[in-house]
Structure formats: C-alpha cells, structure tokens
PDB file of all heavy atoms in Angstrom:
ATOM      1  N   ALA A   1       0.841  -1.150  -0.011  1.00  0.00           N
ATOM      2  CA  ALA A   1       0.033  -0.029  -0.023  1.00  0.00           C
ATOM      3  C   ALA A   1       0.840   1.253  -0.016  1.00  0.00           C
ATOM      4  O   ALA A   1       1.796   1.388   0.819  1.00  0.00           O
ATOM      5  CB  ALA A   1      -0.878  -0.015   1.247  1.00  0.00           C
ATOM      6  N   ALA A   2       0.585   2.175  -0.917  1.00  0.00           N
ATOM      7  CA  ALA A   2       1.354   3.368  -1.047  1.00  0.00           C
ATOM      8  C   ALA A   2       0.540   4.519  -0.469  1.00  0.00           C
ATOM      9  O   ALA A   2      -0.626   4.621  -0.580  1.00  0.00           O
ATOM     10  CB  ALA A   2       1.740   3.686  -2.447  1.00  0.00           C
ATOM     11  N   SER A   3       1.297   5.550   0.016  1.00  0.00           N
ATOM     12  CA  SER A   3       0.730   6.768   0.501  1.00  0.00           C
ATOM     13  C   SER A   3       1.647   7.899   0.273  1.00  0.00           C
ATOM     14  O   SER A   3       2.902   7.678   0.029  1.00  0.00           O
ATOM     15  CB  SER A   3       0.366   6.622   2.022  1.00  0.00           C
ATOM     16  OG  SER A   3       1.537   6.401   2.793  1.00  0.00           O
ATOM     17  N   GLY A   4       1.126   9.101   0.313  1.00  0.00           N
ATOM     18  CA  GLY A   4       2.014  10.242   0.192  1.00  0.00           C
ATOM     19  C   GLY A   4       2.132  10.695  -1.262  1.00  0.00           C
ATOM     20  O   GLY A   4       2.563  11.891  -1.548  1.00  0.00           O
ATOM     21  N   SER A   5       1.846   9.848  -2.303  1.00  0.00           N
ATOM     22  CA  SER A   5       1.944  10.179  -3.650  1.00  0.00           C
ATOM     23  C   SER A   5       1.229   9.106  -4.510  1.00  0.00           C
ATOM     24  O   SER A   5       1.218   8.013  -4.064  1.00  0.00           O
ATOM     25  CB  SER A   5       3.431  10.193  -4.014  1.00  0.00           C
ATOM     26  OG  SER A   5       3.565  10.588  -5.400  1.00  0.00           O
ATOM     27  N   PRO A   6       0.669   9.575  -5.568  1.00  0.00           N
ATOM     28  CA  PRO A   6      -0.026   8.520  -6.441  1.00  0.00           C
ATOM     29  C   PRO A   6       1.007   7.508  -6.950  1.00  0.00           C
ATOM     30  O   PRO A   6       2.099   7.964  -7.373  1.00  0.00           O
ATOM     31  CB  PRO A   6      -0.659   9.377  -7.547  1.00  0.00           C
ATOM     32  CG  PRO A   6      -0.696  10.735  -7.010  1.00  0.00           C
ATOM     33  CD  PRO A   6       0.486  10.907  -6.036  1.00  0.00           C
ATOM     34  N   LEU A   7       0.595   6.363  -6.949  1.00  0.00           N
ATOM     35  CA  LEU A   7       1.471   5.232  -7.388  1.00  0.00           C
ATOM     36  C   LEU A   7       1.539   5.088  -8.921  1.00  0.00           C
ATOM     37  O   LEU A   7       2.427   4.475  -9.463  1.00  0.00           O
ATOM     38  CB  LEU A   7       1.003   3.932  -6.790  1.00  0.00           C
ATOM     39  CG  LEU A   7       1.993   2.755  -6.773  1.00  0.00           C
ATOM     40  CD1 LEU A   7       3.239   3.120  -5.906  1.00  0.00           C
ATOM     41  CD2 LEU A   7       1.313   1.567  -6.058  1.00  0.00           C
ATOM     42  N   ASN A   8       0.573   5.798  -9.578  1.00  0.00           N
ATOM     43  CA  ASN A   8       0.379   5.502 -11.066  1.00  0.00           C
ATOM     44  C   ASN A   8       1.518   5.986 -11.946  1.00  0.00           C
ATOM     45  O   ASN A   8       1.549   5.779 -13.075  1.00  0.00           O
ATOM     46  CB  ASN A   8      -0.956   6.032 -11.468  1.00  0.00           C
ATOM     47  CG  ASN A   8      -1.168   7.529 -11.287  1.00  0.00           C
ATOM     48  OD1 ASN A   8      -0.151   8.236 -10.923  1.00  0.00           O
ATOM     49  ND2 ASN A   8      -2.340   8.066 -11.430  1.00  0.00           N
ATOM     50  N   SER A   9       2.513   6.731 -11.383  1.00  0.00           N
ATOM     51  CA  SER A   9       3.635   7.158 -12.196  1.00  0.00           C
ATOM     52  C   SER A   9       4.869   6.389 -11.818  1.00  0.00           C
ATOM     53  O   SER A   9       6.011   6.720 -12.305  1.00  0.00           O
ATOM     54  CB  SER A   9       3.894   8.627 -12.033  1.00  0.00           C
ATOM     55  OG  SER A   9       4.197   9.017 -10.665  1.00  0.00           O
ATOM     56  N   TYR A  10       4.751   5.376 -11.101  1.00  0.00           N
ATOM     57  CA  TYR A  10       5.873   4.541 -10.645  1.00  0.00           C
ATOM     58  C   TYR A  10       5.859   3.136 -11.211  1.00  0.00           C
ATOM     59  O   TYR A  10       4.795   2.481 -11.300  1.00  0.00           O
ATOM     60  CB  TYR A  10       5.929   4.430  -9.078  1.00  0.00           C
ATOM     61  CG  TYR A  10       6.229   5.722  -8.394  1.00  0.00           C
ATOM     62  CD1 TYR A  10       5.209   6.617  -8.047  1.00  0.00           C
ATOM     63  CD2 TYR A  10       7.523   5.984  -7.999  1.00  0.00           C
ATOM     64  CE1 TYR A  10       5.523   7.812  -7.465  1.00  0.00           C
ATOM     65  CE2 TYR A  10       7.836   7.193  -7.264  1.00  0.00           C
ATOM     66  CZ  TYR A  10       6.793   8.049  -7.004  1.00  0.00           C
ATOM     67  OH  TYR A  10       7.052   9.197  -6.342  1.00  0.00           O
ATOM     68  N   THR A  11       7.036   2.664 -11.466  1.00  0.00           N
ATOM     69  CA  THR A  11       7.155   1.191 -11.645  1.00  0.00           C
ATOM     70  C   THR A  11       7.404   0.585 -10.248  1.00  0.00           C
ATOM     71  O   THR A  11       8.020   1.158  -9.347  1.00  0.00           O
ATOM     72  CB  THR A  11       8.467   0.903 -12.418  1.00  0.00           C
ATOM     73  OG1 THR A  11       8.226   1.458 -13.802  1.00  0.00           O
ATOM     74  CG2 THR A  11       8.715  -0.574 -12.600  1.00  0.00           C
ATOM     75  N   VAL A  12       6.792  -0.559 -10.109  1.00  0.00           N
ATOM     76  CA  VAL A  12       6.765  -1.191  -8.777  1.00  0.00           C
ATOM     77  C   VAL A  12       7.286  -2.648  -8.806  1.00  0.00           C
ATOM     78  O   VAL A  12       6.970  -3.371  -9.809  1.00  0.00           O
ATOM     79  CB  VAL A  12       5.351  -1.171  -8.062  1.00  0.00           C
ATOM     80  CG1 VAL A  12       5.409  -1.798  -6.652  1.00  0.00           C
ATOM     81  CG2 VAL A  12       4.829   0.210  -8.004  1.00  0.00           C
ATOM     82  N   ALA A  13       7.976  -3.076  -7.848  1.00  0.00           N
ATOM     83  CA  ALA A  13       8.584  -4.379  -7.829  1.00  0.00           C
ATOM     84  C   ALA A  13       8.563  -5.010  -6.460  1.00  0.00           C
ATOM     85  O   ALA A  13       8.369  -4.330  -5.469  1.00  0.00           O
ATOM     86  CB  ALA A  13      10.056  -4.296  -8.332  1.00  0.00           C
ATOM     87  N   TRP A  14       8.634  -6.272  -6.481  1.00  0.00           N
ATOM     88  CA  TRP A  14       8.825  -7.043  -5.254  1.00  0.00           C
ATOM     89  C   TRP A  14      10.238  -7.705  -5.235  1.00  0.00           C
ATOM     90  O   TRP A  14      10.634  -8.266  -6.224  1.00  0.00           O
ATOM     91  CB  TRP A  14       7.802  -8.154  -5.101  1.00  0.00           C
ATOM     92  CG  TRP A  14       6.373  -7.641  -4.837  1.00  0.00           C
ATOM     93  CD1 TRP A  14       5.416  -7.428  -5.679  1.00  0.00           C
ATOM     94  CD2 TRP A  14       5.832  -7.392  -3.486  1.00  0.00           C
ATOM     95  NE1 TRP A  14       4.307  -6.935  -5.012  1.00  0.00           N
ATOM     96  CE2 TRP A  14       4.536  -6.925  -3.654  1.00  0.00           C
ATOM     97  CE3 TRP A  14       6.339  -7.562  -2.207  1.00  0.00           C
ATOM     98  CZ2 TRP A  14       3.695  -6.641  -2.545  1.00  0.00           C
ATOM     99  CZ3 TRP A  14       5.532  -7.209  -1.147  1.00  0.00           C
ATOM    100  CH2 TRP A  14       4.291  -6.703  -1.362  1.00  0.00           C
ATOM    101  N   PHE A  15      10.822  -7.563  -4.097  1.00  0.00           N
ATOM    102  CA  PHE A  15      12.114  -8.180  -3.847  1.00  0.00           C
ATOM    103  C   PHE A  15      11.967  -9.019  -2.626  1.00  0.00           C
ATOM    104  O   PHE A  15      11.055  -8.905  -1.813  1.00  0.00           O
ATOM    105  CB  PHE A  15      13.187  -7.139  -3.598  1.00  0.00           C
ATOM    106  CG  PHE A  15      13.608  -6.378  -4.821  1.00  0.00           C
ATOM    107  CD1 PHE A  15      12.841  -5.281  -5.292  1.00  0.00           C
ATOM    108  CD2 PHE A  15      14.799  -6.636  -5.506  1.00  0.00           C
ATOM    109  CE1 PHE A  15      13.158  -4.563  -6.418  1.00  0.00           C
ATOM    110  CE2 PHE A  15      15.189  -5.936  -6.626  1.00  0.00           C
ATOM    111  CZ  PHE A  15      14.349  -4.931  -7.037  1.00  0.00           C
ATOM    112  N   ARG A  16      12.921  -9.969  -2.454  1.00  0.00           N
ATOM    113  CA  ARG A  16      12.948 -10.828  -1.257  1.00  0.00           C
ATOM    114  C   ARG A  16      14.343 -11.073  -0.874  1.00  0.00           C
ATOM    115  O   ARG A  16      15.302 -11.077  -1.636  1.00  0.00           O
ATOM    116  CB  ARG A  16      12.117 -12.045  -1.437  1.00  0.00           C
ATOM    117  CG  ARG A  16      12.790 -13.062  -2.374  1.00  0.00           C
ATOM    118  CD  ARG A  16      11.901 -14.323  -2.573  1.00  0.00           C
ATOM    119  NE  ARG A  16      12.500 -15.294  -3.400  1.00  0.00           N
ATOM    120  CZ  ARG A  16      11.882 -16.374  -3.829  1.00  0.00           C
ATOM    121  NH1 ARG A  16      10.613 -16.621  -3.511  1.00  0.00           N
ATOM    122  NH2 ARG A  16      12.511 -17.246  -4.689  1.00  0.00           N
ATOM    123  N   GLN A  17      14.488 -11.339   0.463  1.00  0.00           N
ATOM    124  CA  GLN A  17      15.794 -11.701   0.994  1.00  0.00           C
ATOM    125  C   GLN A  17      15.621 -12.800   1.974  1.00  0.00           C
ATOM    126  O   GLN A  17      15.030 -12.664   3.031  1.00  0.00           O
ATOM    127  CB  GLN A  17      16.547 -10.501   1.687  1.00  0.00           C
ATOM    128  CG  GLN A  17      17.898 -10.794   2.087  1.00  0.00           C
ATOM    129  CD  GLN A  17      18.672  -9.507   2.403  1.00  0.00           C
ATOM    130  OE1 GLN A  17      18.146  -8.423   2.536  1.00  0.00           O
ATOM    131  NE2 GLN A  17      20.033  -9.669   2.460  1.00  0.00           N
ATOM    132  N   GLY A  18      16.090 -13.973   1.585  1.00  0.00           N
ATOM    133  CA  GLY A  18      16.011 -15.143   2.447  1.00  0.00           C
ATOM    134  C   GLY A  18      17.125 -15.284   3.448  1.00  0.00           C
ATOM    135  O   GLY A  18      18.088 -14.502   3.273  1.00  0.00           O
ATOM    136  N   PRO A  19      17.106 -16.182   4.378  1.00  0.00           N
ATOM    137  CA  PRO A  19      18.152 -16.307   5.370  1.00  0.00           C
ATOM    138  C   PRO A  19      19.501 -16.597   4.708  1.00  0.00           C
ATOM    139  O   PRO A  19      19.586 -17.552   3.984  1.00  0.00           O
ATOM    140  CB  PRO A  19      17.688 -17.526   6.156  1.00  0.00           C
ATOM    141  CG  PRO A  19      16.251 -17.645   5.844  1.00  0.00           C
ATOM    142  CD  PRO A  19      15.996 -17.108   4.528  1.00  0.00           C
ATOM    143  N   GLY A  20      20.465 -15.745   5.013  1.00  0.00           N
ATOM    144  CA  GLY A  20      21.779 -15.955   4.456  1.00  0.00           C
ATOM    145  C   GLY A  20      21.916 -15.634   3.036  1.00  0.00           C
ATOM    146  O   GLY A  20      22.943 -16.004   2.371  1.00  0.00           O
ATOM    147  N   LYS A  21      20.959 -15.039   2.405  1.00  0.00           N
ATOM    148  CA  LYS A  21      20.993 -14.775   0.945  1.00  0.00           C
ATOM    149  C   LYS A  21      20.972 -13.273   0.698  1.00  0.00           C
ATOM    150  O   LYS A  21      20.597 -12.481   1.528  1.00  0.00           O
ATOM    151  CB  LYS A  21      19.822 -15.427   0.266  1.00  0.00           C
ATOM    152  CG  LYS A  21      19.732 -16.921   0.426  1.00  0.00           C
ATOM    153  CD  LYS A  21      18.580 -17.462  -0.364  1.00  0.00           C
ATOM    154  CE  LYS A  21      18.481 -19.025  -0.133  1.00  0.00           C
ATOM    155  NZ  LYS A  21      17.279 -19.592  -0.814  1.00  0.00           N
ATOM    156  N   GLY A  22      21.321 -12.913  -0.567  1.00  0.00           N
ATOM    157  CA  GLY A  22      21.251 -11.488  -0.983  1.00  0.00           C
ATOM    158  C   GLY A  22      19.793 -11.198  -1.440  1.00  0.00           C
ATOM    159  O   GLY A  22      18.959 -12.049  -1.453  1.00  0.00           O
ATOM    160  N   ARG A  23      19.509  -9.963  -1.600  1.00  0.00           N
ATOM    161  CA  ARG A  23      18.207  -9.473  -2.003  1.00  0.00           C
ATOM    162  C   ARG A  23      17.992  -9.824  -3.468  1.00  0.00           C
ATOM    163  O   ARG A  23      18.845  -9.561  -4.355  1.00  0.00           O
ATOM    164  CB  ARG A  23      18.058  -8.013  -1.751  1.00  0.00           C
ATOM    165  CG  ARG A  23      16.681  -7.476  -1.948  1.00  0.00           C
ATOM    166  CD  ARG A  23      16.535  -6.017  -1.517  1.00  0.00           C
ATOM    167  NE  ARG A  23      16.716  -5.882  -0.079  1.00  0.00           N
ATOM    168  CZ  ARG A  23      16.611  -4.765   0.583  1.00  0.00           C
ATOM    169  NH1 ARG A  23      16.228  -3.685  -0.070  1.00  0.00           N
ATOM    170  NH2 ARG A  23      16.795  -4.605   1.852  1.00  0.00           N
ATOM    171  N   GLU A  24      16.862 -10.470  -3.753  1.00  0.00           N
ATOM    172  CA  GLU A  24      16.561 -11.008  -5.067  1.00  0.00           C
ATOM    173  C   GLU A  24      15.273 -10.290  -5.576  1.00  0.00           C
ATOM    174  O   GLU A  24      14.289 -10.250  -4.947  1.00  0.00           O
ATOM    175  CB  GLU A  24      16.323 -12.487  -4.994  1.00  0.00           C
ATOM    176  CG  GLU A  24      15.754 -13.118  -6.231  1.00  0.00           C
ATOM    177  CD  GLU A  24      15.278 -14.550  -6.045  1.00  0.00           C
ATOM    178  OE1 GLU A  24      14.980 -14.913  -4.871  1.00  0.00           O
ATOM    179  OE2 GLU A  24      15.144 -15.275  -7.094  1.00  0.00           O
ATOM    180  N   GLY A  25      15.385  -9.691  -6.828  1.00  0.00           N
ATOM    181  CA  GLY A  25      14.196  -9.192  -7.440  1.00  0.00           C
ATOM    182  C   GLY A  25      13.366 -10.315  -8.028  1.00  0.00           C
ATOM    183  O   GLY A  25      13.866 -11.112  -8.739  1.00  0.00           O
ATOM    184  N   ILE A  26      12.104 -10.327  -7.704  1.00  0.00           N
ATOM    185  CA  ILE A  26      11.303 -11.441  -8.110  1.00  0.00           C
ATOM    186  C   ILE A  26      10.170 -11.157  -9.101  1.00  0.00           C
ATOM    187  O   ILE A  26       9.725 -11.961  -9.894  1.00  0.00           O
ATOM    188  CB  ILE A  26      10.714 -12.297  -6.914  1.00  0.00           C
ATOM    189  CG1 ILE A  26       9.874 -11.330  -5.985  1.00  0.00           C
ATOM    190  CG2 ILE A  26      11.819 -12.953  -6.165  1.00  0.00           C
ATOM    191  CD1 ILE A  26       9.138 -12.112  -4.962  1.00  0.00           C
ATOM    192  N   SER A  27       9.687  -9.920  -8.999  1.00  0.00           N
ATOM    193  CA  SER A  27       8.627  -9.506  -9.944  1.00  0.00           C
ATOM    194  C   SER A  27       8.502  -7.990  -9.977  1.00  0.00           C
ATOM    195  O   SER A  27       8.811  -7.367  -9.008  1.00  0.00           O
ATOM    196  CB  SER A  27       7.326 -10.097  -9.529  1.00  0.00           C
ATOM    197  OG  SER A  27       6.396  -9.882 -10.507  1.00  0.00           O
ATOM    198  N   CYS A  28       8.091  -7.497 -11.041  1.00  0.00           N
ATOM    199  CA  CYS A  28       7.893  -6.030 -11.247  1.00  0.00           C
ATOM    200  C   CYS A  28       6.734  -5.765 -12.223  1.00  0.00           C
ATOM    201  O   CYS A  28       6.406  -6.721 -13.018  1.00  0.00           O
ATOM    202  CB  CYS A  28       9.132  -5.298 -11.733  1.00  0.00           C
ATOM    203  SG  CYS A  28       9.768  -5.772 -13.250  1.00  0.00           S
ATOM    204  N   VAL A  29       6.126  -4.690 -12.124  1.00  0.00           N
ATOM    205  CA  VAL A  29       5.027  -4.320 -12.980  1.00  0.00           C
ATOM    206  C   VAL A  29       5.288  -2.838 -13.476  1.00  0.00           C
ATOM    207  O   VAL A  29       5.573  -1.982 -12.616  1.00  0.00           O
ATOM    208  CB  VAL A  29       3.678  -4.468 -12.241  1.00  0.00           C
ATOM    209  CG1 VAL A  29       3.580  -3.655 -11.026  1.00  0.00           C
ATOM    210  CG2 VAL A  29       2.509  -4.217 -13.224  1.00  0.00           C
TER     211      VAL A  29
END
C-alpha cells in the first residue's frame, strides 16, 4: 500500500531476501 503520492507514475517491484542470501528481485510491474 502506497501513501504520500499517487502510485500511477511509478514502476513497482517485489524483492525478497532469504536467510543468508542476498536481495533478489522477483517480480515487477
């Protein structure tokens, strides 16, 4: 959920970081 600014001018992504791992980009829109 975004606040403070409309999200419609942004590209958005999900990243994840598992135990002992680096941050991984998994999906974007």
